Amino acid sequence: MKHIALALLTFLFFPTASIAENYFLILTKKGTGLERIKMANLNDCKDLGDQWSSVSRKHTYVCLKENKSD
């Protein structure tokens, strides 16, 4: 019981899960619309976006930070 209480208190004082940031990769292709993909971090978002845009000059992307309003 003591270990469970300690774990719960640690989580309450250090809620790292709530600090995590999410990004959305928005992929566009001229004439066909948009696609949104949730990404865990900005580097992964940019890497995948660069791969997408290297396919053709018609393929573009943008990485957007999730807006969490409390």
PDB file of N, CA and C in Angstrom:
ATOM      1  N   MET A   1       0.828  -1.193   0.000  1.00  0.00           N
ATOM      2  CA  MET A   1       0.000   0.000   0.000  1.00  0.00           C
ATOM      3  C   MET A   1       0.873   1.256   0.000  1.00  0.00           C
ATOM      4  N   LYS A   2       1.959   1.195   0.720  1.00  0.00           N
ATOM      5  CA  LYS A   2       2.862   2.334   0.818  1.00  0.00           C
ATOM      6  C   LYS A   2       3.449   2.687  -0.555  1.00  0.00           C
ATOM      7  N   HIS A   3       3.765   1.658  -1.359  1.00  0.00           N
ATOM      8  CA  HIS A   3       4.359   1.884  -2.678  1.00  0.00           C
ATOM      9  C   HIS A   3       3.346   2.493  -3.647  1.00  0.00           C
ATOM     10  N   ILE A   4       2.100   2.081  -3.525  1.00  0.00           N
ATOM     11  CA  ILE A   4       1.053   2.629  -4.397  1.00  0.00           C
ATOM     12  C   ILE A   4       0.837   4.108  -4.096  1.00  0.00           C
ATOM     13  N   ALA A   5       0.791   4.444  -2.820  1.00  0.00           N
ATOM     14  CA  ALA A   5       0.612   5.836  -2.428  1.00  0.00           C
ATOM     15  C   ALA A   5       1.777   6.695  -2.903  1.00  0.00           C
ATOM     16  N   LEU A   6       2.979   6.179  -2.806  1.00  0.00           N
ATOM     17  CA  LEU A   6       4.161   6.912  -3.268  1.00  0.00           C
ATOM     18  C   LEU A   6       4.101   7.124  -4.776  1.00  0.00           C
ATOM     19  N   ALA A   7       3.690   6.108  -5.507  1.00  0.00           N
ATOM     20  CA  ALA A   7       3.587   6.222  -6.968  1.00  0.00           C
ATOM     21  C   ALA A   7       2.537   7.262  -7.359  1.00  0.00           C
ATOM     22  N   LEU A   8       1.404   7.262  -6.676  1.00  0.00           N
ATOM     23  CA  LEU A   8       0.359   8.240  -6.969  1.00  0.00           C
ATOM     24  C   LEU A   8       0.805   9.663  -6.644  1.00  0.00           C
ATOM     25  N   LEU A   9       1.471   9.842  -5.528  1.00  0.00           N
ATOM     26  CA  LEU A   9       1.975  11.168  -5.167  1.00  0.00           C
ATOM     27  C   LEU A   9       3.021  11.654  -6.171  1.00  0.00           C
ATOM     28  N   THR A  10       3.874  10.759  -6.615  1.00  0.00           N
ATOM     29  CA  THR A  10       4.891  11.117  -7.606  1.00  0.00           C
ATOM     30  C   THR A  10       4.226  11.570  -8.896  1.00  0.00           C
ATOM     31  N   PHE A  11       3.202  10.855  -9.318  1.00  0.00           N
ATOM     32  CA  PHE A  11       2.490  11.228 -10.535  1.00  0.00           C
ATOM     33  C   PHE A  11       1.815  12.588 -10.387  1.00  0.00           C
ATOM     34  N   LEU A  12       1.252  12.865  -9.223  1.00  0.00           N
ATOM     35  CA  LEU A  12       0.579  14.145  -9.016  1.00  0.00           C
ATOM     36  C   LEU A  12       1.544  15.319  -9.029  1.00  0.00           C
ATOM     37  N   PHE A  13       2.739  15.121  -8.485  1.00  0.00           N
ATOM     38  CA  PHE A  13       3.706  16.212  -8.431  1.00  0.00           C
ATOM     39  C   PHE A  13       4.559  16.329  -9.687  1.00  0.00           C
ATOM     40  N   PHE A  14       4.649  15.274 -10.486  1.00  0.00           N
ATOM     41  CA  PHE A  14       5.446  15.279 -11.712  1.00  0.00           C
ATOM     42  C   PHE A  14       4.629  14.719 -12.872  1.00  0.00           C
ATOM     43  N   PRO A  15       3.607  15.432 -13.299  1.00  0.00           N
ATOM     44  CA  PRO A  15       2.740  14.912 -14.367  1.00  0.00           C
ATOM     45  C   PRO A  15       3.354  15.133 -15.748  1.00  0.00           C
ATOM     46  N   THR A  16       4.381  14.382 -16.075  1.00  0.00           N
ATOM     47  CA  THR A  16       5.083  14.560 -17.346  1.00  0.00           C
ATOM     48  C   THR A  16       4.191  14.285 -18.538  1.00  0.00           C
ATOM     49  N   ALA A  17       3.197  13.450 -18.401  1.00  0.00           N
ATOM     50  CA  ALA A  17       2.307  13.154 -19.517  1.00  0.00           C
ATOM     51  C   ALA A  17       1.518  14.392 -19.935  1.00  0.00           C
ATOM     52  N   SER A  18       1.171  15.234 -18.995  1.00  0.00           N
ATOM     53  CA  SER A  18       0.403  16.426 -19.346  1.00  0.00           C
ATOM     54  C   SER A  18       1.277  17.520 -19.937  1.00  0.00           C
ATOM     55  N   ILE A  19       2.584  17.423 -19.797  1.00  0.00           N
ATOM     56  CA  ILE A  19       3.495  18.413 -20.344  1.00  0.00           C
ATOM     57  C   ILE A  19       3.835  18.094 -21.803  1.00  0.00           C
ATOM     58  N   ALA A  20       3.645  16.881 -22.221  1.00  0.00           N
ATOM     59  CA  ALA A  20       4.015  16.461 -23.565  1.00  0.00           C
ATOM     60  C   ALA A  20       3.300  17.315 -24.608  1.00  0.00           C
ATOM     61  N   GLU A  21       4.035  17.671 -25.659  1.00  0.00           N
ATOM     62  CA  GLU A  21       3.471  18.456 -26.741  1.00  0.00           C
ATOM     63  C   GLU A  21       3.181  17.544 -27.924  1.00  0.00           C
ATOM     64  N   ASN A  22       2.110  17.824 -28.613  1.00  0.00           N
ATOM     65  CA  ASN A  22       1.764  17.093 -29.814  1.00  0.00           C
ATOM     66  C   ASN A  22       1.792  18.043 -30.997  1.00  0.00           C
ATOM     67  N   TYR A  23       2.126  17.514 -32.133  1.00  0.00           N
ATOM     68  CA  TYR A  23       2.162  18.275 -33.371  1.00  0.00           C
ATOM     69  C   TYR A  23       1.301  17.575 -34.401  1.00  0.00           C
ATOM     70  N   PHE A  24       0.801  18.350 -35.340  1.00  0.00           N
ATOM     71  CA  PHE A  24       0.060  17.790 -36.454  1.00  0.00           C
ATOM     72  C   PHE A  24       0.820  18.088 -37.737  1.00  0.00           C
ATOM     73  N   LEU A  25       1.023  17.059 -38.520  1.00  0.00           N
ATOM     74  CA  LEU A  25       1.623  17.197 -39.838  1.00  0.00           C
ATOM     75  C   LEU A  25       0.467  17.342 -40.818  1.00  0.00           C
ATOM     76  N   ILE A  26       0.417  18.475 -41.497  1.00  0.00           N
ATOM     77  CA  ILE A  26      -0.619  18.732 -42.485  1.00  0.00           C
ATOM     78  C   ILE A  26       0.024  18.562 -43.855  1.00  0.00           C
ATOM     79  N   LEU A  27      -0.437  17.553 -44.593  1.00  0.00           N
ATOM     80  CA  LEU A  27       0.087  17.260 -45.922  1.00  0.00           C
ATOM     81  C   LEU A  27      -0.885  17.792 -46.966  1.00  0.00           C
ATOM     82  N   THR A  28      -0.351  18.440 -47.987  1.00  0.00           N
ATOM     83  CA  THR A  28      -1.193  18.932 -49.068  1.00  0.00           C
ATOM     84  C   THR A  28      -0.633  18.478 -50.405  1.00  0.00           C
ATOM     85  N   LYS A  29      -1.524  18.219 -51.320  1.00  0.00           N
ATOM     86  CA  LYS A  29      -1.163  17.914 -52.696  1.00  0.00           C
ATOM     87  C   LYS A  29      -2.116  18.712 -53.564  1.00  0.00           C
ATOM     88  N   LYS A  30      -1.573  19.495 -54.458  1.00  0.00           N
ATOM     89  CA  LYS A  30      -2.389  20.397 -55.267  1.00  0.00           C
ATOM     90  C   LYS A  30      -3.511  19.632 -55.960  1.00  0.00           C
ATOM     91  N   GLY A  31      -4.730  20.067 -55.707  1.00  0.00           N
ATOM     92  CA  GLY A  31      -5.893  19.497 -56.364  1.00  0.00           C
ATOM     93  C   GLY A  31      -6.557  18.340 -55.649  1.00  0.00           C
ATOM     94  N   THR A  32      -5.949  17.802 -54.579  1.00  0.00           N
ATOM     95  CA  THR A  32      -6.562  16.638 -53.928  1.00  0.00           C
ATOM     96  C   THR A  32      -6.904  16.854 -52.463  1.00  0.00           C
ATOM     97  N   GLY A  33      -6.562  17.970 -51.879  1.00  0.00           N
ATOM     98  CA  GLY A  33      -6.967  18.235 -50.506  1.00  0.00           C
ATOM     99  C   GLY A  33      -5.861  18.105 -49.480  1.00  0.00           C
ATOM    100  N   LEU A  34      -6.284  17.870 -48.237  1.00  0.00           N
ATOM    101  CA  LEU A  34      -5.387  17.860 -47.089  1.00  0.00           C
ATOM    102  C   LEU A  34      -5.449  16.526 -46.352  1.00  0.00           C
ATOM    103  N   GLU A  35      -4.373  16.236 -45.641  1.00  0.00           N
ATOM    104  CA  GLU A  35      -4.320  15.069 -44.752  1.00  0.00           C
ATOM    105  C   GLU A  35      -3.669  15.517 -43.456  1.00  0.00           C
ATOM    106  N   ARG A  36      -4.230  15.130 -42.315  1.00  0.00           N
ATOM    107  CA  ARG A  36      -3.687  15.513 -41.006  1.00  0.00           C
ATOM    108  C   ARG A  36      -3.219  14.253 -40.282  1.00  0.00           C
ATOM    109  N   ILE A  37      -1.972  14.310 -39.771  1.00  0.00           N
ATOM    110  CA  ILE A  37      -1.388  13.184 -39.044  1.00  0.00           C
ATOM    111  C   ILE A  37      -0.850  13.709 -37.716  1.00  0.00           C
ATOM    112  N   LYS A  38      -1.247  13.077 -36.610  1.00  0.00           N
ATOM    113  CA  LYS A  38      -0.769  13.480 -35.292  1.00  0.00           C
ATOM    114  C   LYS A  38       0.639  12.925 -35.086  1.00  0.00           C
ATOM    115  N   MET A  39       1.557  13.784 -34.671  1.00  0.00           N
ATOM    116  CA  MET A  39       2.953  13.413 -34.479  1.00  0.00           C
ATOM    117  C   MET A  39       3.351  13.687 -33.021  1.00  0.00           C
ATOM    118  N   ALA A  40       4.319  12.918 -32.539  1.00  0.00           N
ATOM    119  CA  ALA A  40       4.741  13.034 -31.145  1.00  0.00           C
ATOM    120  C   ALA A  40       5.688  14.212 -30.906  1.00  0.00           C
ATOM    121  N   ASN A  41       6.483  14.562 -31.929  1.00  0.00           N
ATOM    122  CA  ASN A  41       7.418  15.668 -31.728  1.00  0.00           C
ATOM    123  C   ASN A  41       7.683  16.397 -33.047  1.00  0.00           C
ATOM    124  N   LEU A  42       8.299  17.553 -32.944  1.00  0.00           N
ATOM    125  CA  LEU A  42       8.524  18.411 -34.096  1.00  0.00           C
ATOM    126  C   LEU A  42       9.530  17.806 -35.073  1.00  0.00           C
ATOM    127  N   ASN A  43      10.564  17.151 -34.578  1.00  0.00           N
ATOM    128  CA  ASN A  43      11.572  16.571 -35.471  1.00  0.00           C
ATOM    129  C   ASN A  43      10.977  15.497 -36.371  1.00  0.00           C
ATOM    130  N   ASP A  44      10.165  14.608 -35.801  1.00  0.00           N
ATOM    131  CA  ASP A  44       9.516  13.574 -36.609  1.00  0.00           C
ATOM    132  C   ASP A  44       8.579  14.199 -37.637  1.00  0.00           C
ATOM    133  N   CYS A  45       7.900  15.241 -37.222  1.00  0.00           N
ATOM    134  CA  CYS A  45       6.984  15.935 -38.116  1.00  0.00           C
ATOM    135  C   CYS A  45       7.740  16.503 -39.322  1.00  0.00           C
ATOM    136  N   LYS A  46       8.839  17.174 -39.064  1.00  0.00           N
ATOM    137  CA  LYS A  46       9.626  17.763 -40.150  1.00  0.00           C
ATOM    138  C   LYS A  46      10.255  16.693 -41.041  1.00  0.00           C
ATOM    139  N   ASP A  47      10.738  15.617 -40.444  1.00  0.00           N
ATOM    140  CA  ASP A  47      11.343  14.544 -41.237  1.00  0.00           C
ATOM    141  C   ASP A  47      10.338  13.929 -42.205  1.00  0.00           C
ATOM    142  N   LEU A  48       9.162  13.604 -41.712  1.00  0.00           N
ATOM    143  CA  LEU A  48       8.142  13.011 -42.573  1.00  0.00           C
ATOM    144  C   LEU A  48       7.646  14.027 -43.606  1.00  0.00           C
ATOM    145  N   GLY A  49       7.529  15.274 -43.196  1.00  0.00           N
ATOM    146  CA  GLY A  49       7.126  16.326 -44.137  1.00  0.00           C
ATOM    147  C   GLY A  49       8.142  16.518 -45.246  1.00  0.00           C
ATOM    148  N   ASP A  50       9.426  16.459 -44.916  1.00  0.00           N
ATOM    149  CA  ASP A  50      10.474  16.574 -45.942  1.00  0.00           C
ATOM    150  C   ASP A  50      10.398  15.412 -46.934  1.00  0.00           C
ATOM    151  N   GLN A  51      10.141  14.216 -46.430  1.00  0.00           N
ATOM    152  CA  GLN A  51       9.985  13.061 -47.313  1.00  0.00           C
ATOM    153  C   GLN A  51       8.796  13.263 -48.249  1.00  0.00           C
ATOM    154  N   TRP A  52       7.706  13.773 -47.713  1.00  0.00           N
ATOM    155  CA  TRP A  52       6.506  14.011 -48.507  1.00  0.00           C
ATOM    156  C   TRP A  52       6.774  15.046 -49.596  1.00  0.00           C
ATOM    157  N   SER A  53       7.432  16.147 -49.248  1.00  0.00           N
ATOM    158  CA  SER A  53       7.644  17.212 -50.224  1.00  0.00           C
ATOM    159  C   SER A  53       8.704  16.849 -51.255  1.00  0.00           C
ATOM    160  N   SER A  54       9.553  15.872 -50.960  1.00  0.00           N
ATOM    161  CA  SER A  54      10.574  15.471 -51.935  1.00  0.00           C
ATOM    162  C   SER A  54       9.979  14.638 -53.072  1.00  0.00           C
ATOM    163  N   VAL A  55       8.738  14.171 -52.927  1.00  0.00           N
ATOM    164  CA  VAL A  55       8.081  13.382 -53.978  1.00  0.00           C
ATOM    165  C   VAL A  55       7.825  14.247 -55.214  1.00  0.00           C
ATOM    166  N   SER A  56       7.344  15.467 -55.003  1.00  0.00           N
ATOM    167  CA  SER A  56       6.997  16.348 -56.102  1.00  0.00           C
ATOM    168  C   SER A  56       6.927  17.783 -55.597  1.00  0.00           C
ATOM    169  N   ARG A  57       7.052  18.731 -56.518  1.00  0.00           N
ATOM    170  CA  ARG A  57       6.916  20.133 -56.114  1.00  0.00           C
ATOM    171  C   ARG A  57       5.468  20.468 -55.767  1.00  0.00           C
ATOM    172  N   LYS A  58       4.528  19.625 -56.145  1.00  0.00           N
ATOM    173  CA  LYS A  58       3.116  19.846 -55.816  1.00  0.00           C
ATOM    174  C   LYS A  58       2.794  19.413 -54.390  1.00  0.00           C
ATOM    175  N   HIS A  59       3.690  18.654 -53.761  1.00  0.00           N
ATOM    176  CA  HIS A  59       3.475  18.154 -52.408  1.00  0.00           C
ATOM    177  C   HIS A  59       4.096  19.128 -51.406  1.00  0.00           C
ATOM    178  N   THR A  60       3.281  19.657 -50.507  1.00  0.00           N
ATOM    179  CA  THR A  60       3.783  20.564 -49.478  1.00  0.00           C
ATOM    180  C   THR A  60       3.292  20.097 -48.105  1.00  0.00           C
ATOM    181  N   TYR A  61       3.883  20.662 -47.070  1.00  0.00           N
ATOM    182  CA  TYR A  61       3.488  20.302 -45.710  1.00  0.00           C
ATOM    183  C   TYR A  61       3.711  21.461 -44.768  1.00  0.00           C
ATOM    184  N   VAL A  62       3.090  21.363 -43.600  1.00  0.00           N
ATOM    185  CA  VAL A  62       3.332  22.290 -42.502  1.00  0.00           C
ATOM    186  C   VAL A  62       3.155  21.505 -41.195  1.00  0.00           C
ATOM    187  N   CYS A  63       3.960  21.840 -40.194  1.00  0.00           N
ATOM    188  CA  CYS A  63       3.839  21.229 -38.869  1.00  0.00           C
ATOM    189  C   CYS A  63       3.205  22.255 -37.931  1.00  0.00           C
ATOM    190  N   LEU A  64       2.127  21.852 -37.295  1.00  0.00           N
ATOM    191  CA  LEU A  64       1.405  22.747 -36.378  1.00  0.00           C
ATOM    192  C   LEU A  64       1.414  22.171 -34.977  1.00  0.00           C
ATOM    193  N   LYS A  65       1.670  23.027 -34.007  1.00  0.00           N
ATOM    194  CA  LYS A  65       1.637  22.609 -32.610  1.00  0.00           C
ATOM    195  C   LYS A  65       0.184  22.572 -32.147  1.00  0.00           C
ATOM    196  N   GLU A  66      -0.163  21.501 -31.410  1.00  0.00           N
ATOM    197  CA  GLU A  66      -1.521  21.356 -30.905  1.00  0.00           C
ATOM    198  C   GLU A  66      -1.793  22.455 -29.883  1.00  0.00           C
ATOM    199  N   ASN A  67      -2.937  23.080 -30.003  1.00  0.00           N
ATOM    200  CA  ASN A  67      -3.340  24.133 -29.081  1.00  0.00           C
ATOM    201  C   ASN A  67      -4.233  23.521 -28.018  1.00  0.00           C
ATOM    202  N   LYS A  68      -3.703  23.396 -26.808  1.00  0.00           N
ATOM    203  CA  LYS A  68      -4.471  22.819 -25.699  1.00  0.00           C
ATOM    204  C   LYS A  68      -4.991  23.976 -24.846  1.00  0.00           C
ATOM    205  N   SER A  69      -6.277  24.186 -24.898  1.00  0.00           N
ATOM    206  CA  SER A  69      -6.853  25.226 -24.051  1.00  0.00           C
ATOM    207  C   SER A  69      -7.478  24.579 -22.819  1.00  0.00           C
ATOM    208  N   ASP A  70      -7.132  25.117 -21.679  1.00  0.00           N
ATOM    209  CA  ASP A  70      -7.632  24.571 -20.402  1.00  0.00           C
ATOM    210  C   ASP A  70      -8.866  25.288 -19.947  1.00  0.00           C
TER     211      ASP A  70
END
